[in-house]
Amino acid sequence: MNDQEYRGEATIRSGNTALPVQVHLGVYFEPIDGRYHWYGRVSPDSEVTALAEDRSTDVVLRTPYGEASARLGDVDPWNRYRLSGVGLPPFPMGIVPDAEPETL
């Protein structure tokens, strides 16, 4: 694991439902739109499957470091659902790029 990843405990919240899960997440800075994009997978969990109901679902993902809005999306052959979000991720990062490009 590098300093741009998080692997560990999290909670997925949708409405009144809060599910404890295990996640593996990564993040990258997209210079074209100037925002962070983070993504990853939720370990297989029957309650997550019931929550997703084979469709994309807006959720809030909370880790011990923070929370962020996310999208619970497609499922892979191992029954792990994809999570994705835009903006600061709900985990610390090691390197933060400059907000504005340097001028010469």
N, C-alpha and C. Protein backbone atom coordinates (compact mmCIF):
# COMPACT_ATOMS: atom_id res chain seq x y z
N MET A 1 0.85 -1.17 0.00
CA MET A 1 0.00 0.00 0.00
C MET A 1 0.89 1.24 0.00
N ASN A 2 0.51 2.24 -0.80
CA ASN A 2 1.29 3.48 -0.80
C ASN A 2 0.52 4.59 -0.10
N ASP A 3 1.08 5.80 -0.07
CA ASP A 3 0.45 6.89 0.67
C ASP A 3 -0.74 7.50 -0.06
N GLN A 4 -1.11 6.97 -1.19
CA GLN A 4 -2.28 7.43 -1.92
C GLN A 4 -3.38 6.37 -1.88
N GLU A 5 -3.31 5.45 -0.95
CA GLU A 5 -4.29 4.37 -0.82
C GLU A 5 -4.79 4.26 0.61
N TYR A 6 -5.96 3.64 0.73
CA TYR A 6 -6.49 3.30 2.05
C TYR A 6 -7.06 1.90 1.95
N ARG A 7 -6.71 1.07 2.89
CA ARG A 7 -7.27 -0.28 2.98
C ARG A 7 -7.66 -0.48 4.45
N GLY A 8 -8.95 -0.76 4.67
CA GLY A 8 -9.37 -0.97 6.05
C GLY A 8 -10.85 -0.82 6.26
N GLU A 9 -11.20 -0.53 7.52
CA GLU A 9 -12.59 -0.45 7.92
C GLU A 9 -13.23 0.84 7.43
N ALA A 10 -14.52 0.74 7.13
CA ALA A 10 -15.30 1.90 6.73
C ALA A 10 -16.77 1.61 7.01
N THR A 11 -17.59 2.63 6.85
CA THR A 11 -19.03 2.48 6.99
C THR A 11 -19.67 3.10 5.76
N ILE A 12 -20.59 2.37 5.16
CA ILE A 12 -21.38 2.90 4.05
C ILE A 12 -22.74 3.28 4.62
N ARG A 13 -23.14 4.54 4.37
CA ARG A 13 -24.42 5.00 4.87
C ARG A 13 -25.31 5.42 3.70
N SER A 14 -26.54 4.94 3.73
CA SER A 14 -27.55 5.32 2.74
C SER A 14 -28.88 5.43 3.48
N GLY A 15 -29.40 6.65 3.56
CA GLY A 15 -30.63 6.85 4.33
C GLY A 15 -30.41 6.50 5.79
N ASN A 16 -31.25 5.63 6.33
CA ASN A 16 -31.12 5.20 7.73
C ASN A 16 -30.27 3.95 7.88
N THR A 17 -29.70 3.47 6.78
CA THR A 17 -28.89 2.25 6.80
C THR A 17 -27.41 2.59 6.91
N ALA A 18 -26.72 1.97 7.85
CA ALA A 18 -25.26 2.13 8.00
C ALA A 18 -24.66 0.73 8.08
N LEU A 19 -23.77 0.43 7.12
CA LEU A 19 -23.18 -0.91 7.03
C LEU A 19 -21.67 -0.85 7.27
N PRO A 20 -21.15 -1.61 8.24
CA PRO A 20 -19.70 -1.70 8.40
C PRO A 20 -19.13 -2.58 7.28
N VAL A 21 -18.07 -2.09 6.63
CA VAL A 21 -17.48 -2.81 5.49
C VAL A 21 -15.97 -2.71 5.53
N GLN A 22 -15.32 -3.47 4.68
CA GLN A 22 -13.88 -3.37 4.42
C GLN A 22 -13.72 -2.83 3.00
N VAL A 23 -12.82 -1.87 2.84
CA VAL A 23 -12.61 -1.25 1.52
C VAL A 23 -11.13 -1.19 1.17
N HIS A 24 -10.88 -1.05 -0.12
CA HIS A 24 -9.54 -0.77 -0.64
C HIS A 24 -9.73 0.36 -1.64
N LEU A 25 -9.15 1.54 -1.33
CA LEU A 25 -9.37 2.74 -2.12
C LEU A 25 -8.07 3.35 -2.59
N GLY A 26 -8.13 4.04 -3.70
CA GLY A 26 -7.00 4.80 -4.22
C GLY A 26 -7.49 6.18 -4.64
N VAL A 27 -6.56 7.09 -4.93
CA VAL A 27 -6.93 8.45 -5.32
C VAL A 27 -5.92 8.97 -6.32
N TYR A 28 -6.39 9.83 -7.22
CA TYR A 28 -5.47 10.54 -8.11
C TYR A 28 -6.00 11.95 -8.32
N PHE A 29 -5.09 12.87 -8.64
CA PHE A 29 -5.45 14.24 -8.93
C PHE A 29 -5.57 14.38 -10.43
N GLU A 30 -6.71 14.87 -10.91
CA GLU A 30 -6.94 15.05 -12.34
C GLU A 30 -6.70 16.53 -12.68
N PRO A 31 -5.58 16.83 -13.36
CA PRO A 31 -5.27 18.23 -13.65
C PRO A 31 -6.27 18.88 -14.61
N ILE A 32 -6.97 18.11 -15.42
CA ILE A 32 -7.91 18.70 -16.37
C ILE A 32 -9.07 19.37 -15.65
N ASP A 33 -9.61 18.73 -14.63
CA ASP A 33 -10.72 19.36 -13.90
C ASP A 33 -10.28 19.93 -12.55
N GLY A 34 -9.02 19.71 -12.16
CA GLY A 34 -8.49 20.28 -10.94
C GLY A 34 -9.04 19.67 -9.66
N ARG A 35 -9.51 18.41 -9.75
CA ARG A 35 -10.11 17.77 -8.57
C ARG A 35 -9.51 16.39 -8.36
N TYR A 36 -9.67 15.91 -7.12
CA TYR A 36 -9.29 14.55 -6.80
C TYR A 36 -10.41 13.61 -7.23
N HIS A 37 -10.02 12.45 -7.72
CA HIS A 37 -10.96 11.38 -8.05
C HIS A 37 -10.49 10.16 -7.27
N TRP A 38 -11.37 9.60 -6.47
CA TRP A 38 -11.00 8.43 -5.69
C TRP A 38 -11.95 7.30 -6.03
N TYR A 39 -11.47 6.08 -5.81
CA TYR A 39 -12.17 4.91 -6.32
C TYR A 39 -11.70 3.69 -5.56
N GLY A 40 -12.41 2.60 -5.69
CA GLY A 40 -11.98 1.36 -5.06
C GLY A 40 -13.10 0.35 -5.03
N ARG A 41 -12.92 -0.65 -4.19
CA ARG A 41 -13.88 -1.74 -4.09
C ARG A 41 -14.21 -2.02 -2.63
N VAL A 42 -15.45 -2.49 -2.42
CA VAL A 42 -15.91 -2.95 -1.12
C VAL A 42 -15.78 -4.46 -1.10
N SER A 43 -15.23 -5.01 -0.04
CA SER A 43 -15.14 -6.46 0.08
C SER A 43 -16.54 -7.07 -0.02
N PRO A 44 -16.64 -8.32 -0.51
CA PRO A 44 -17.96 -8.95 -0.66
C PRO A 44 -18.76 -8.91 0.64
N ASP A 45 -20.03 -8.52 0.52
CA ASP A 45 -20.89 -8.38 1.69
C ASP A 45 -22.34 -8.47 1.22
N SER A 46 -23.11 -9.38 1.77
CA SER A 46 -24.50 -9.59 1.33
C SER A 46 -25.36 -8.36 1.61
N GLU A 47 -25.07 -7.61 2.67
CA GLU A 47 -25.86 -6.41 2.96
C GLU A 47 -25.58 -5.30 1.95
N VAL A 48 -24.35 -5.21 1.47
CA VAL A 48 -24.03 -4.23 0.42
C VAL A 48 -24.76 -4.61 -0.87
N THR A 49 -24.79 -5.90 -1.17
CA THR A 49 -25.50 -6.38 -2.35
C THR A 49 -26.98 -6.01 -2.27
N ALA A 50 -27.59 -6.19 -1.11
CA ALA A 50 -29.00 -5.84 -0.92
C ALA A 50 -29.21 -4.33 -1.06
N LEU A 51 -28.27 -3.53 -0.55
CA LEU A 51 -28.37 -2.08 -0.64
C LEU A 51 -28.26 -1.62 -2.09
N ALA A 52 -27.35 -2.20 -2.85
CA ALA A 52 -27.12 -1.79 -4.23
C ALA A 52 -28.25 -2.23 -5.16
N GLU A 53 -28.83 -3.39 -4.92
CA GLU A 53 -29.91 -3.91 -5.75
C GLU A 53 -29.61 -3.81 -7.24
N ASP A 54 -28.37 -4.12 -7.63
CA ASP A 54 -27.96 -4.12 -9.04
C ASP A 54 -28.14 -2.77 -9.74
N ARG A 55 -27.97 -1.69 -9.00
CA ARG A 55 -28.02 -0.36 -9.62
C ARG A 55 -27.04 0.55 -8.89
N SER A 56 -26.66 1.64 -9.51
CA SER A 56 -25.79 2.61 -8.86
C SER A 56 -26.56 3.30 -7.74
N THR A 57 -25.89 3.51 -6.62
CA THR A 57 -26.52 4.07 -5.44
C THR A 57 -25.62 5.14 -4.84
N ASP A 58 -26.18 6.31 -4.53
CA ASP A 58 -25.43 7.35 -3.84
C ASP A 58 -25.37 7.01 -2.35
N VAL A 59 -24.16 7.09 -1.79
CA VAL A 59 -23.95 6.76 -0.38
C VAL A 59 -22.98 7.77 0.23
N VAL A 60 -22.79 7.67 1.52
CA VAL A 60 -21.73 8.39 2.22
C VAL A 60 -20.78 7.34 2.77
N LEU A 61 -19.50 7.51 2.49
CA LEU A 61 -18.49 6.58 2.98
C LEU A 61 -17.72 7.24 4.11
N ARG A 62 -17.69 6.58 5.25
CA ARG A 62 -16.96 7.09 6.41
C ARG A 62 -15.83 6.13 6.76
N THR A 63 -14.64 6.68 6.97
CA THR A 63 -13.49 5.94 7.47
C THR A 63 -13.13 6.55 8.82
N PRO A 64 -12.15 5.99 9.52
CA PRO A 64 -11.72 6.62 10.77
C PRO A 64 -11.17 8.04 10.57
N TYR A 65 -10.91 8.45 9.33
CA TYR A 65 -10.29 9.74 9.04
C TYR A 65 -11.26 10.80 8.53
N GLY A 66 -12.46 10.41 8.13
CA GLY A 66 -13.41 11.38 7.59
C GLY A 66 -14.49 10.70 6.79
N GLU A 67 -15.30 11.52 6.12
CA GLU A 67 -16.36 10.96 5.29
C GLU A 67 -16.49 11.77 4.02
N ALA A 68 -17.09 11.15 3.00
CA ALA A 68 -17.28 11.80 1.72
C ALA A 68 -18.44 11.14 0.99
N SER A 69 -19.09 11.92 0.13
CA SER A 69 -20.13 11.36 -0.73
C SER A 69 -19.48 10.45 -1.75
N ALA A 70 -20.17 9.36 -2.07
CA ALA A 70 -19.62 8.37 -3.00
C ALA A 70 -20.74 7.75 -3.82
N ARG A 71 -20.34 7.04 -4.82
CA ARG A 71 -21.27 6.29 -5.67
C ARG A 71 -20.91 4.83 -5.54
N LEU A 72 -21.88 4.02 -5.16
CA LEU A 72 -21.72 2.57 -5.12
C LEU A 72 -22.17 2.08 -6.48
N GLY A 73 -21.27 1.46 -7.25
CA GLY A 73 -21.57 1.14 -8.64
C GLY A 73 -21.53 -0.33 -8.97
N ASP A 74 -20.89 -0.62 -10.09
CA ASP A 74 -20.89 -1.97 -10.65
C ASP A 74 -20.25 -3.00 -9.74
N VAL A 75 -20.67 -4.23 -9.92
CA VAL A 75 -20.13 -5.35 -9.15
C VAL A 75 -19.21 -6.15 -10.06
N ASP A 76 -18.10 -6.63 -9.51
CA ASP A 76 -17.17 -7.45 -10.30
C ASP A 76 -17.50 -8.94 -10.09
N PRO A 77 -16.82 -9.83 -10.80
CA PRO A 77 -17.11 -11.28 -10.68
C PRO A 77 -16.88 -11.84 -9.27
N TRP A 78 -16.18 -11.12 -8.41
CA TRP A 78 -15.91 -11.58 -7.05
C TRP A 78 -16.89 -10.96 -6.04
N ASN A 79 -17.95 -10.32 -6.55
CA ASN A 79 -19.01 -9.72 -5.75
C ASN A 79 -18.53 -8.52 -4.93
N ARG A 80 -17.53 -7.80 -5.47
CA ARG A 80 -17.04 -6.59 -4.83
C ARG A 80 -17.63 -5.39 -5.59
N TYR A 81 -18.33 -4.52 -4.89
CA TYR A 81 -18.91 -3.35 -5.53
C TYR A 81 -17.90 -2.22 -5.62
N ARG A 82 -17.97 -1.46 -6.71
CA ARG A 82 -17.08 -0.33 -6.93
C ARG A 82 -17.60 0.87 -6.17
N LEU A 83 -16.69 1.61 -5.56
CA LEU A 83 -16.98 2.89 -4.93
C LEU A 83 -16.21 3.97 -5.67
N SER A 84 -16.81 5.12 -5.88
CA SER A 84 -16.09 6.22 -6.50
C SER A 84 -16.60 7.54 -5.96
N GLY A 85 -15.72 8.52 -5.95
CA GLY A 85 -16.08 9.85 -5.48
C GLY A 85 -15.18 10.90 -6.10
N VAL A 86 -15.61 12.14 -6.02
CA VAL A 86 -14.85 13.27 -6.54
C VAL A 86 -14.70 14.27 -5.41
N GLY A 87 -13.50 14.80 -5.25
CA GLY A 87 -13.20 15.71 -4.16
C GLY A 87 -12.24 15.04 -3.20
N LEU A 88 -12.02 15.65 -2.08
CA LEU A 88 -11.10 15.05 -1.11
C LEU A 88 -11.63 13.71 -0.64
N PRO A 89 -10.78 12.70 -0.63
CA PRO A 89 -11.22 11.37 -0.21
C PRO A 89 -11.36 11.30 1.32
N PRO A 90 -12.05 10.27 1.80
CA PRO A 90 -12.24 10.14 3.25
C PRO A 90 -11.07 9.45 3.95
N PHE A 91 -9.87 9.70 3.47
CA PHE A 91 -8.65 9.17 4.08
C PHE A 91 -7.51 10.13 3.78
N PRO A 92 -6.46 10.14 4.61
CA PRO A 92 -5.35 11.08 4.40
C PRO A 92 -4.51 10.70 3.19
N MET A 93 -3.93 11.73 2.59
CA MET A 93 -3.04 11.53 1.45
C MET A 93 -1.67 12.09 1.78
N GLY A 94 -0.64 11.51 1.17
CA GLY A 94 0.72 11.95 1.45
C GLY A 94 1.16 13.16 0.68
N ILE A 95 0.75 13.29 -0.58
CA ILE A 95 1.23 14.37 -1.44
C ILE A 95 0.03 15.13 -1.97
N VAL A 96 0.04 16.44 -1.78
CA VAL A 96 -1.05 17.28 -2.30
C VAL A 96 -0.44 18.19 -3.36
N PRO A 97 -0.93 18.11 -4.62
CA PRO A 97 -0.37 18.95 -5.66
C PRO A 97 -0.70 20.43 -5.43
N ASP A 98 0.09 21.32 -6.02
CA ASP A 98 -0.18 22.75 -5.94
C ASP A 98 -1.54 23.05 -6.55
N ALA A 99 -2.24 23.99 -5.96
CA ALA A 99 -3.57 24.36 -6.46
C ALA A 99 -3.46 25.09 -7.79
N GLU A 100 -2.39 25.88 -7.96
CA GLU A 100 -2.22 26.62 -9.20
C GLU A 100 -0.87 26.28 -9.81
N PRO A 101 -0.80 26.22 -11.15
CA PRO A 101 0.49 25.92 -11.78
C PRO A 101 1.49 27.07 -11.56
N GLU A 102 2.74 26.70 -11.52
CA GLU A 102 3.79 27.71 -11.37
C GLU A 102 3.92 28.50 -12.66
N THR A 103 4.30 29.76 -12.55
CA THR A 103 4.54 30.58 -13.74
C THR A 103 6.04 30.72 -13.92
N LEU A 104 6.45 30.85 -15.16
CA LEU A 104 7.88 30.99 -15.46
C LEU A 104 8.29 32.43 -15.51
